[in-house]
Every structure is written in C-alpha cells, then in structure tokens.
Amino acid sequence: MENKKSQTDTSSTDTHFGYQQVPLEEKARKVADVFHSVADKYDLMNDLMSFGVHRLWKRYTIELSGVKKGQRVLDIAGGTGDLASRFVRMVGKEGEVVLSDINDSMLQQGRSRMIDKGIIGNIRYVQANAERLPFPDNYFDCISIAFGLRNVTDKDAALRSMFRVLKPGGRALILEFSKPASPVKPLYDLYSFKILPMIGKLVAKDEDSYRYLAESIRMHPDQETLKQMMSDAGFERCDFYNLSAGIVALHRGYKL
C-alpha cells in the first residue's frame, strides 16, 4: 500500500492537479476548466473510454445502495445523472433525489438529460462543493459519488461533510478508479497514457483533459487508504469491492 501522506498531502499551500503541483486555491478552477471543456461529450467519452463497462459499475453501485421508497438520496458530482436517474425511480414520488455538482456545465447537462427522460418531479439540482455541502445535518439516507472524489481538493473534508449530512443508519457509496491488480497494470498504463489522450483528441477535441484524467487516477488513494480515510471521517463498517480487477473500486461506509 502506498503511503497515505504521499497521496493526500503535498505541502500546506500546494496540491496536485494530475502530476502537476499547483496552489490549493487553483485546483478547483483547473478541474472546473476540464469539465467545462468535456461536458458536452462526457457521456460519449465514458462509453468509449470504458467500452460501456461504466454502466455495469454504476449498476452494481445502485444494487448495493439499498435505497428504498420514500428515502432521500444525494448524488455528489452527479454529472449527467446516470445514478440520479435510477435513484429517482427507486425512491418514488414520496422520496427525493438531489443531483449535485460543483461544475455548472455538468449540472446543466444533467438537468437537460433528466428533462429529456421526463424526470421532472422528485429531483432537484444543487451546485455545491463536496467539501462544504449546503445541507442540514442528518438529512440523507444515502449518498453516492461516482468518479468525482479524485477531483476534490480536500478529500478528507469532503468525507467529513458527507458524514455530517448523512442520517444515522445511512450509507455512503464511493465509486472511483483505483489501483488495478499487478497482471493488468502494464496494459492499463499503456491504455491510460497513450490511447486515452488520443481518443480525447479525436472525439472531444481535448487531449489535455484526458491526460489529466489518467494522471488524476494515479494520484488518487488506493483501496485500503481510502477505506481508512472513510473510517477517519467517522464512517463504520467500511468495505470495498474491486471491479474489473481493481481498475475501479466501490467503497461503502455507514453512519451508525
């Protein structure tokens, strides 16, 4: 396991943006620029990058969520609403789903996609920073964040914020790229640093953003480190499930 401090800390004033070191106050702006750039091609690129497998990862997340009718669900970094659209059906008219994203371009894409699907009732949209969620204590039954935590500047603050707004008995699910098993790592690195930026250049006209994507994955805490970070934030019964040989991991923790 990699040293936790090397993955989550750089200095008191700097942090990582991919492999670059940038001032703390600049990372959020740089991440925002990335997602403003890719928002209109986000869904297409997800399908191309993962060969459609991201849909199976998200389906597994939904299955482990335990969401029931009448509950409140928060989907952080919800983007174009892949998870939120499923949660809407699960909570029914008596429940509520909040699709949250720090990036206005992504939030607008999510809203438009929901309207196109005819989802206009029990969902609302909130532009928010995961580190400072603007919701009351003990409000949500379930919180999800899919492929968003690695872009957060202060991951520990985000986990504490998620814990605060979660109800006792509630659970948080974090779906994120992680550290793959050794046998697949060389091929995965080749794909990430050579093929992925090329796809980004050809399809999204943005090679740099997809190079950042590959780098940000490598800088994200590994499975065991993230599990410990969740425990440190107050979550209990924390566990994780490796998907696709650990290329992606689903972490789950409870507020008891």
C-alpha atoms as a PDB file:
ATOM      1  CA  MET A   1       0.000   0.000   0.000  1.00  0.00           C
ATOM      2  CA  GLU A   2       1.297   3.439  -0.831  1.00  0.00           C
ATOM      3  CA  ASN A   3       1.990   5.840   1.986  1.00  0.00           C
ATOM      4  CA  LYS A   4      -1.178   7.781   2.779  1.00  0.00           C
ATOM      5  CA  LYS A   5       0.574  11.100   3.265  1.00  0.00           C
ATOM      6  CA  SER A   6       2.251  10.913  -0.150  1.00  0.00           C
ATOM      7  CA  GLN A   7      -1.155  10.519  -1.800  1.00  0.00           C
ATOM      8  CA  THR A   8      -3.185  13.093   0.062  1.00  0.00           C
ATOM      9  CA  ASP A   9      -0.673  15.783   1.071  1.00  0.00           C
ATOM     10  CA  THR A  10       1.898  17.834  -0.800  1.00  0.00           C
ATOM     11  CA  SER A  11       2.535  20.895   1.355  1.00  0.00           C
ATOM     12  CA  SER A  12       0.494  23.352   3.351  1.00  0.00           C
ATOM     13  CA  THR A  13      -0.127  25.538   0.284  1.00  0.00           C
ATOM     14  CA  ASP A  14       0.095  23.212  -2.732  1.00  0.00           C
ATOM     15  CA  THR A  15      -1.782  20.207  -4.001  1.00  0.00           C
ATOM     16  CA  HIS A  16      -1.685  18.021  -7.086  1.00  0.00           C
ATOM     17  CA  PHE A  17      -3.524  18.573 -10.332  1.00  0.00           C
ATOM     18  CA  GLY A  18      -2.689  15.371 -12.124  1.00  0.00           C
ATOM     19  CA  TYR A  19       1.088  15.214 -11.859  1.00  0.00           C
ATOM     20  CA  GLN A  20       1.446  18.994 -11.545  1.00  0.00           C
ATOM     21  CA  GLN A  21       1.840  20.821  -8.244  1.00  0.00           C
ATOM     22  CA  VAL A  22      -0.487  23.821  -8.051  1.00  0.00           C
ATOM     23  CA  PRO A  23      -1.580  26.228  -5.318  1.00  0.00           C
ATOM     24  CA  LEU A  24      -4.554  24.924  -3.354  1.00  0.00           C
ATOM     25  CA  GLU A  25      -6.803  27.747  -4.480  1.00  0.00           C
ATOM     26  CA  GLU A  26      -6.108  26.992  -8.160  1.00  0.00           C
ATOM     27  CA  LYS A  27      -7.032  23.312  -8.276  1.00  0.00           C
ATOM     28  CA  ALA A  28     -10.803  23.817  -8.179  1.00  0.00           C
ATOM     29  CA  ARG A  29     -10.563  26.279 -11.068  1.00  0.00           C
ATOM     30  CA  LYS A  30      -8.405  23.938 -13.123  1.00  0.00           C
ATOM     31  CA  VAL A  31     -10.731  20.991 -12.515  1.00  0.00           C
ATOM     32  CA  ALA A  32     -13.683  23.211 -13.450  1.00  0.00           C
ATOM     33  CA  ASP A  33     -11.965  24.112 -16.727  1.00  0.00           C
ATOM     34  CA  VAL A  34     -11.540  20.414 -17.530  1.00  0.00           C
ATOM     35  CA  PHE A  35     -15.222  19.641 -17.055  1.00  0.00           C
ATOM     36  CA  HIS A  36     -16.431  22.793 -18.807  1.00  0.00           C
ATOM     37  CA  SER A  37     -14.380  21.565 -21.751  1.00  0.00           C
ATOM     38  CA  VAL A  38     -15.672  17.976 -21.829  1.00  0.00           C
ATOM     39  CA  ALA A  39     -19.275  18.416 -20.609  1.00  0.00           C
ATOM     40  CA  ASP A  40     -20.982  18.074 -23.989  1.00  0.00           C
ATOM     41  CA  LYS A  41     -19.037  14.906 -24.855  1.00  0.00           C
ATOM     42  CA  TYR A  42     -18.992  13.454 -21.341  1.00  0.00           C
ATOM     43  CA  ASP A  43     -21.430  10.575 -21.871  1.00  0.00           C
ATOM     44  CA  LEU A  44     -19.984   9.598 -25.251  1.00  0.00           C
ATOM     45  CA  MET A  45     -16.451   9.593 -23.881  1.00  0.00           C
ATOM     46  CA  ASN A  46     -17.479   7.482 -20.876  1.00  0.00           C
ATOM     47  CA  ASP A  47     -18.827   4.830 -23.229  1.00  0.00           C
ATOM     48  CA  LEU A  48     -15.746   4.942 -25.434  1.00  0.00           C
ATOM     49  CA  MET A  49     -13.204   5.001 -22.606  1.00  0.00           C
ATOM     50  CA  SER A  50     -14.714   2.090 -20.696  1.00  0.00           C
ATOM     51  CA  PHE A  51     -16.146   0.192 -23.687  1.00  0.00           C
ATOM     52  CA  GLY A  52     -19.514   0.663 -21.978  1.00  0.00           C
ATOM     53  CA  VAL A  53     -18.447  -1.141 -18.809  1.00  0.00           C
ATOM     54  CA  HIS A  54     -19.016   2.005 -16.700  1.00  0.00           C
ATOM     55  CA  ARG A  55     -22.726   1.203 -16.948  1.00  0.00           C
ATOM     56  CA  LEU A  56     -22.120  -2.140 -15.197  1.00  0.00           C
ATOM     57  CA  TRP A  57     -20.048  -0.460 -12.473  1.00  0.00           C
ATOM     58  CA  LYS A  58     -22.858   2.021 -11.844  1.00  0.00           C
ATOM     59  CA  ARG A  59     -25.488  -0.706 -11.880  1.00  0.00           C
ATOM     60  CA  TYR A  60     -23.553  -2.557  -9.184  1.00  0.00           C
ATOM     61  CA  THR A  61     -23.411   0.660  -7.144  1.00  0.00           C
ATOM     62  CA  ILE A  62     -27.181   1.011  -7.422  1.00  0.00           C
ATOM     63  CA  GLU A  63     -27.684  -2.608  -6.341  1.00  0.00           C
ATOM     64  CA  LEU A  64     -25.556  -2.113  -3.211  1.00  0.00           C
ATOM     65  CA  SER A  65     -27.165   1.214  -2.300  1.00  0.00           C
ATOM     66  CA  GLY A  66     -30.156  -0.310  -0.528  1.00  0.00           C
ATOM     67  CA  VAL A  67     -32.258   2.721  -1.457  1.00  0.00           C
ATOM     68  CA  LYS A  68     -35.976   2.351  -0.729  1.00  0.00           C
ATOM     69  CA  LYS A  69     -39.162   4.244  -1.492  1.00  0.00           C
ATOM     70  CA  GLY A  70     -39.589   7.489   0.393  1.00  0.00           C
ATOM     71  CA  GLN A  71     -35.882   7.985   1.113  1.00  0.00           C
ATOM     72  CA  ARG A  72     -33.644  10.975   0.413  1.00  0.00           C
ATOM     73  CA  VAL A  73     -30.596  10.447  -1.787  1.00  0.00           C
ATOM     74  CA  LEU A  74     -27.727  12.801  -2.610  1.00  0.00           C
ATOM     75  CA  ASP A  75     -25.647  12.144  -5.717  1.00  0.00           C
ATOM     76  CA  ILE A  76     -22.476  14.248  -5.469  1.00  0.00           C
ATOM     77  CA  ALA A  77     -20.551  15.096  -8.645  1.00  0.00           C
ATOM     78  CA  GLY A  78     -23.633  13.657 -10.314  1.00  0.00           C
ATOM     79  CA  GLY A  79     -22.724  14.998 -13.740  1.00  0.00           C
ATOM     80  CA  THR A  80     -25.191  13.904 -16.361  1.00  0.00           C
ATOM     81  CA  GLY A  81     -27.287  11.910 -13.908  1.00  0.00           C
ATOM     82  CA  ASP A  82     -26.540   8.232 -14.562  1.00  0.00           C
ATOM     83  CA  LEU A  83     -27.020   7.334 -10.907  1.00  0.00           C
ATOM     84  CA  ALA A  84     -29.584  10.004 -10.056  1.00  0.00           C
ATOM     85  CA  SER A  85     -31.992   8.880 -12.783  1.00  0.00           C
ATOM     86  CA  ARG A  86     -32.049   5.386 -11.276  1.00  0.00           C
ATOM     87  CA  PHE A  87     -32.418   6.671  -7.722  1.00  0.00           C
ATOM     88  CA  VAL A  88     -35.448   8.735  -8.790  1.00  0.00           C
ATOM     89  CA  ARG A  89     -37.291   5.558  -9.720  1.00  0.00           C
ATOM     90  CA  MET A  90     -36.224   3.802  -6.531  1.00  0.00           C
ATOM     91  CA  VAL A  91     -37.367   6.488  -4.072  1.00  0.00           C
ATOM     92  CA  GLY A  92     -40.694   7.079  -5.808  1.00  0.00           C
ATOM     93  CA  LYS A  93     -42.901  10.149  -5.503  1.00  0.00           C
ATOM     94  CA  GLU A  94     -42.574  10.169  -1.715  1.00  0.00           C
ATOM     95  CA  GLY A  95     -38.790  10.396  -1.845  1.00  0.00           C
ATOM     96  CA  GLU A  96     -36.277  12.985  -3.005  1.00  0.00           C
ATOM     97  CA  VAL A  97     -33.098  12.892  -5.072  1.00  0.00           C
ATOM     98  CA  VAL A  98     -30.592  15.754  -5.153  1.00  0.00           C
ATOM     99  CA  LEU A  99     -28.211  15.840  -8.097  1.00  0.00           C
ATOM    100  CA  SER A 100     -25.248  17.941  -7.029  1.00  0.00           C
ATOM    101  CA  ASP A 101     -22.178  19.052  -8.946  1.00  0.00           C
ATOM    102  CA  ILE A 102     -19.636  21.818  -8.425  1.00  0.00           C
ATOM    103  CA  ASN A 103     -19.463  22.409 -12.172  1.00  0.00           C
ATOM    104  CA  ASP A 104     -22.297  24.409 -13.724  1.00  0.00           C
ATOM    105  CA  SER A 105     -21.736  22.968 -17.216  1.00  0.00           C
ATOM    106  CA  MET A 106     -22.073  19.413 -15.943  1.00  0.00           C
ATOM    107  CA  LEU A 107     -25.106  20.304 -13.824  1.00  0.00           C
ATOM    108  CA  GLN A 108     -26.830  21.840 -16.848  1.00  0.00           C
ATOM    109  CA  GLN A 109     -26.086  18.712 -18.867  1.00  0.00           C
ATOM    110  CA  GLY A 110     -27.606  16.615 -16.095  1.00  0.00           C
ATOM    111  CA  ARG A 111     -30.727  18.767 -15.883  1.00  0.00           C
ATOM    112  CA  SER A 112     -31.242  18.669 -19.653  1.00  0.00           C
ATOM    113  CA  ARG A 113     -30.795  14.918 -19.743  1.00  0.00           C
ATOM    114  CA  MET A 114     -33.317  14.416 -16.932  1.00  0.00           C
ATOM    115  CA  ILE A 115     -35.890  16.611 -18.645  1.00  0.00           C
ATOM    116  CA  ASP A 116     -35.373  14.677 -21.884  1.00  0.00           C
ATOM    117  CA  LYS A 117     -36.162  11.491 -19.936  1.00  0.00           C
ATOM    118  CA  GLY A 118     -39.305  13.058 -18.489  1.00  0.00           C
ATOM    119  CA  ILE A 119     -37.880  13.193 -14.957  1.00  0.00           C
ATOM    120  CA  ILE A 120     -39.197  16.446 -13.525  1.00  0.00           C
ATOM    121  CA  GLY A 121     -40.783  15.571 -10.189  1.00  0.00           C
ATOM    122  CA  ASN A 122     -38.837  14.327  -7.194  1.00  0.00           C
ATOM    123  CA  ILE A 123     -35.407  15.641  -8.184  1.00  0.00           C
ATOM    124  CA  ARG A 124     -33.659  18.925  -7.592  1.00  0.00           C
ATOM    125  CA  TYR A 125     -30.317  20.316  -8.709  1.00  0.00           C
ATOM    126  CA  VAL A 126     -27.765  21.972  -6.439  1.00  0.00           C
ATOM    127  CA  GLN A 127     -24.417  23.423  -7.452  1.00  0.00           C
ATOM    128  CA  ALA A 128     -22.218  22.656  -4.467  1.00  0.00           C
ATOM    129  CA  ASN A 129     -18.686  21.962  -3.317  1.00  0.00           C
ATOM    130  CA  ALA A 130     -18.382  18.463  -1.840  1.00  0.00           C
ATOM    131  CA  GLU A 131     -16.099  19.836   0.875  1.00  0.00           C
ATOM    132  CA  ARG A 132     -18.878  22.127   2.176  1.00  0.00           C
ATOM    133  CA  LEU A 133     -22.227  20.518   1.381  1.00  0.00           C
ATOM    134  CA  PRO A 134     -25.070  23.031   1.878  1.00  0.00           C
ATOM    135  CA  PHE A 135     -27.500  20.630   3.544  1.00  0.00           C
ATOM    136  CA  PRO A 136     -28.714  20.102   7.128  1.00  0.00           C
ATOM    137  CA  ASP A 137     -27.144  17.544   9.438  1.00  0.00           C
ATOM    138  CA  ASN A 138     -28.570  14.015   9.294  1.00  0.00           C
ATOM    139  CA  TYR A 139     -30.622  14.679   6.147  1.00  0.00           C
ATOM    140  CA  PHE A 140     -29.912  11.941   3.574  1.00  0.00           C
ATOM    141  CA  ASP A 141     -30.468   8.189   3.734  1.00  0.00           C
ATOM    142  CA  CYS A 142     -27.871   7.516   1.045  1.00  0.00           C
ATOM    143  CA  ILE A 143     -25.050   9.485  -0.552  1.00  0.00           C
ATOM    144  CA  SER A 144     -23.228   8.489  -3.725  1.00  0.00           C
ATOM    145  CA  ILE A 145     -20.282   9.949  -5.574  1.00  0.00           C
ATOM    146  CA  ALA A 146     -19.140   8.277  -8.794  1.00  0.00           C
ATOM    147  CA  PHE A 147     -15.819   9.198 -10.381  1.00  0.00           C
ATOM    148  CA  GLY A 148     -15.758  12.537  -8.591  1.00  0.00           C
ATOM    149  CA  LEU A 149     -13.809  12.175  -5.352  1.00  0.00           C
ATOM    150  CA  ARG A 150     -10.415  12.137  -7.069  1.00  0.00           C
ATOM    151  CA  ASN A 151     -11.109  15.670  -8.375  1.00  0.00           C
ATOM    152  CA  VAL A 152     -11.833  17.080  -4.915  1.00  0.00           C
ATOM    153  CA  THR A 153      -9.045  19.218  -3.461  1.00  0.00           C
ATOM    154  CA  ASP A 154      -9.554  18.203   0.183  1.00  0.00           C
ATOM    155  CA  LYS A 155     -10.883  14.652   0.159  1.00  0.00           C
ATOM    156  CA  ASP A 156     -10.871  14.366   3.950  1.00  0.00           C
ATOM    157  CA  ALA A 157     -13.070  17.473   4.230  1.00  0.00           C
ATOM    158  CA  ALA A 158     -15.455  16.041   1.627  1.00  0.00           C
ATOM    159  CA  LEU A 159     -15.754  12.756   3.511  1.00  0.00           C
ATOM    160  CA  ARG A 160     -16.459  14.601   6.764  1.00  0.00           C
ATOM    161  CA  SER A 161     -19.073  16.725   5.001  1.00  0.00           C
ATOM    162  CA  MET A 162     -20.734  13.630   3.575  1.00  0.00           C
ATOM    163  CA  PHE A 163     -20.777  12.034   7.028  1.00  0.00           C
ATOM    164  CA  ARG A 164     -22.365  15.141   8.573  1.00  0.00           C
ATOM    165  CA  VAL A 165     -25.353  15.273   6.190  1.00  0.00           C
ATOM    166  CA  LEU A 166     -25.964  11.522   6.297  1.00  0.00           C
ATOM    167  CA  LYS A 167     -28.667  10.199   8.629  1.00  0.00           C
ATOM    168  CA  PRO A 168     -27.772   7.679  11.330  1.00  0.00           C
ATOM    169  CA  GLY A 169     -28.250   4.313   9.663  1.00  0.00           C
ATOM    170  CA  GLY A 170     -27.440   5.829   6.289  1.00  0.00           C
ATOM    171  CA  ARG A 171     -24.672   4.758   3.924  1.00  0.00           C
ATOM    172  CA  ALA A 172     -22.231   6.390   1.541  1.00  0.00           C
ATOM    173  CA  LEU A 173     -21.022   4.821  -1.688  1.00  0.00           C
ATOM    174  CA  ILE A 174     -17.874   5.956  -3.468  1.00  0.00           C
ATOM    175  CA  LEU A 175     -17.295   4.581  -6.957  1.00  0.00           C
ATOM    176  CA  GLU A 176     -13.876   5.549  -8.233  1.00  0.00           C
ATOM    177  CA  PHE A 177     -10.938   4.464 -10.339  1.00  0.00           C
ATOM    178  CA  SER A 178      -8.423   2.731  -8.128  1.00  0.00           C
ATOM    179  CA  LYS A 179      -5.274   0.603  -8.182  1.00  0.00           C
ATOM    180  CA  PRO A 180      -5.531  -2.410 -10.534  1.00  0.00           C
ATOM    181  CA  ALA A 181      -4.050  -5.820  -9.887  1.00  0.00           C
ATOM    182  CA  SER A 182      -0.436  -6.238 -10.969  1.00  0.00           C
ATOM    183  CA  PRO A 183      -1.049  -8.508 -14.005  1.00  0.00           C
ATOM    184  CA  VAL A 184      -3.232  -5.923 -15.768  1.00  0.00           C
ATOM    185  CA  LYS A 185      -1.277  -2.818 -14.742  1.00  0.00           C
ATOM    186  CA  PRO A 186       1.147  -2.593 -17.724  1.00  0.00           C
ATOM    187  CA  LEU A 187      -1.669  -2.822 -20.258  1.00  0.00           C
ATOM    188  CA  TYR A 188      -3.788  -0.418 -18.226  1.00  0.00           C
ATOM    189  CA  ASP A 189      -0.934   2.122 -18.127  1.00  0.00           C
ATOM    190  CA  LEU A 190      -0.443   1.834 -21.873  1.00  0.00           C
ATOM    191  CA  TYR A 191      -4.125   2.447 -22.468  1.00  0.00           C
ATOM    192  CA  SER A 192      -4.313   5.334 -19.968  1.00  0.00           C
ATOM    193  CA  PHE A 193      -1.338   7.350 -21.137  1.00  0.00           C
ATOM    194  CA  LYS A 194      -1.239   6.569 -24.859  1.00  0.00           C
ATOM    195  CA  ILE A 195      -4.670   5.586 -26.130  1.00  0.00           C
ATOM    196  CA  LEU A 196      -6.965   7.563 -23.822  1.00  0.00           C
ATOM    197  CA  PRO A 197      -5.496  11.018 -24.658  1.00  0.00           C
ATOM    198  CA  MET A 198      -5.678  10.092 -28.347  1.00  0.00           C
ATOM    199  CA  ILE A 199      -9.397   9.276 -28.018  1.00  0.00           C
ATOM    200  CA  GLY A 200      -9.880  12.578 -26.203  1.00  0.00           C
ATOM    201  CA  LYS A 201      -8.138  14.449 -29.005  1.00  0.00           C
ATOM    202  CA  LEU A 202     -10.137  12.772 -31.773  1.00  0.00           C
ATOM    203  CA  VAL A 203     -13.594  12.769 -30.166  1.00  0.00           C
ATOM    204  CA  ALA A 204     -13.683  15.596 -27.621  1.00  0.00           C
ATOM    205  CA  LYS A 205     -11.004  17.748 -29.291  1.00  0.00           C
ATOM    206  CA  ASP A 206      -9.292  17.880 -25.909  1.00  0.00           C
ATOM    207  CA  GLU A 207      -6.197  15.755 -25.394  1.00  0.00           C
ATOM    208  CA  ASP A 208      -5.008  17.575 -22.255  1.00  0.00           C
ATOM    209  CA  SER A 209      -8.164  16.970 -20.232  1.00  0.00           C
ATOM    210  CA  TYR A 210      -7.954  13.234 -20.781  1.00  0.00           C
ATOM    211  CA  ARG A 211      -4.270  13.185 -19.959  1.00  0.00           C
ATOM    212  CA  TYR A 212      -5.239  14.884 -16.686  1.00  0.00           C
ATOM    213  CA  LEU A 213      -7.849  12.144 -16.174  1.00  0.00           C
ATOM    214  CA  ALA A 214      -5.183   9.446 -16.371  1.00  0.00           C
ATOM    215  CA  GLU A 215      -2.864  11.346 -14.050  1.00  0.00           C
ATOM    216  CA  SER A 216      -5.586  12.114 -11.509  1.00  0.00           C
ATOM    217  CA  ILE A 217      -6.403   8.409 -11.277  1.00  0.00           C
ATOM    218  CA  ARG A 218      -2.783   7.618 -10.415  1.00  0.00           C
ATOM    219  CA  MET A 219      -2.758  10.278  -7.696  1.00  0.00           C
ATOM    220  CA  HIS A 220      -5.963   9.018  -6.064  1.00  0.00           C
ATOM    221  CA  PRO A 221      -5.636   6.983  -2.834  1.00  0.00           C
ATOM    222  CA  ASP A 222      -5.560   3.223  -3.244  1.00  0.00           C
ATOM    223  CA  GLN A 223      -8.301   0.955  -1.928  1.00  0.00           C
ATOM    224  CA  GLU A 224      -7.019   0.425   1.600  1.00  0.00           C
ATOM    225  CA  THR A 225      -6.041   4.083   2.036  1.00  0.00           C
ATOM    226  CA  LEU A 226      -9.475   5.340   1.016  1.00  0.00           C
ATOM    227  CA  LYS A 227     -11.096   2.809   3.333  1.00  0.00           C
ATOM    228  CA  GLN A 228      -9.028   4.191   6.225  1.00  0.00           C
ATOM    229  CA  MET A 229      -9.876   7.774   5.231  1.00  0.00           C
ATOM    230  CA  MET A 230     -13.575   6.897   5.426  1.00  0.00           C
ATOM    231  CA  SER A 231     -13.075   5.401   8.884  1.00  0.00           C
ATOM    232  CA  ASP A 232     -11.181   8.508   9.991  1.00  0.00           C
ATOM    233  CA  ALA A 233     -14.124  10.652   8.824  1.00  0.00           C
ATOM    234  CA  GLY A 234     -16.464   8.701  11.107  1.00  0.00           C
ATOM    235  CA  PHE A 235     -17.864   6.000   8.829  1.00  0.00           C
ATOM    236  CA  GLU A 236     -18.198   2.498  10.232  1.00  0.00           C
ATOM    237  CA  ARG A 237     -18.343  -0.992   8.681  1.00  0.00           C
ATOM    238  CA  CYS A 238     -16.290   0.347   5.779  1.00  0.00           C
ATOM    239  CA  ASP A 239     -15.530  -2.061   2.975  1.00  0.00           C
ATOM    240  CA  PHE A 240     -14.740  -2.040  -0.716  1.00  0.00           C
ATOM    241  CA  TYR A 241     -15.343  -4.178  -3.779  1.00  0.00           C
ATOM    242  CA  ASN A 242     -12.807  -4.364  -6.581  1.00  0.00           C
ATOM    243  CA  LEU A 243     -14.376  -4.234 -10.038  1.00  0.00           C
ATOM    244  CA  SER A 244     -12.627  -5.103 -13.306  1.00  0.00           C
ATOM    245  CA  ALA A 245      -9.505  -6.363 -11.494  1.00  0.00           C
ATOM    246  CA  GLY A 246      -9.319  -3.265  -9.305  1.00  0.00           C
ATOM    247  CA  ILE A 247      -9.358  -0.722 -12.126  1.00  0.00           C
ATOM    248  CA  VAL A 248     -12.418   0.582 -10.302  1.00  0.00           C
ATOM    249  CA  ALA A 249     -13.401   0.089  -6.665  1.00  0.00           C
ATOM    250  CA  LEU A 250     -16.708   0.664  -4.906  1.00  0.00           C
ATOM    251  CA  HIS A 251     -16.294   1.748  -1.282  1.00  0.00           C
ATOM    252  CA  ARG A 252     -19.187   1.687   1.163  1.00  0.00           C
ATOM    253  CA  GLY A 253     -19.461   3.015   4.696  1.00  0.00           C
ATOM    254  CA  TYR A 254     -22.252   3.559   7.212  1.00  0.00           C
ATOM    255  CA  LYS A 255     -23.165   6.206   9.758  1.00  0.00           C
ATOM    256  CA  LEU A 256     -24.271   4.216  12.783  1.00  0.00           C
END
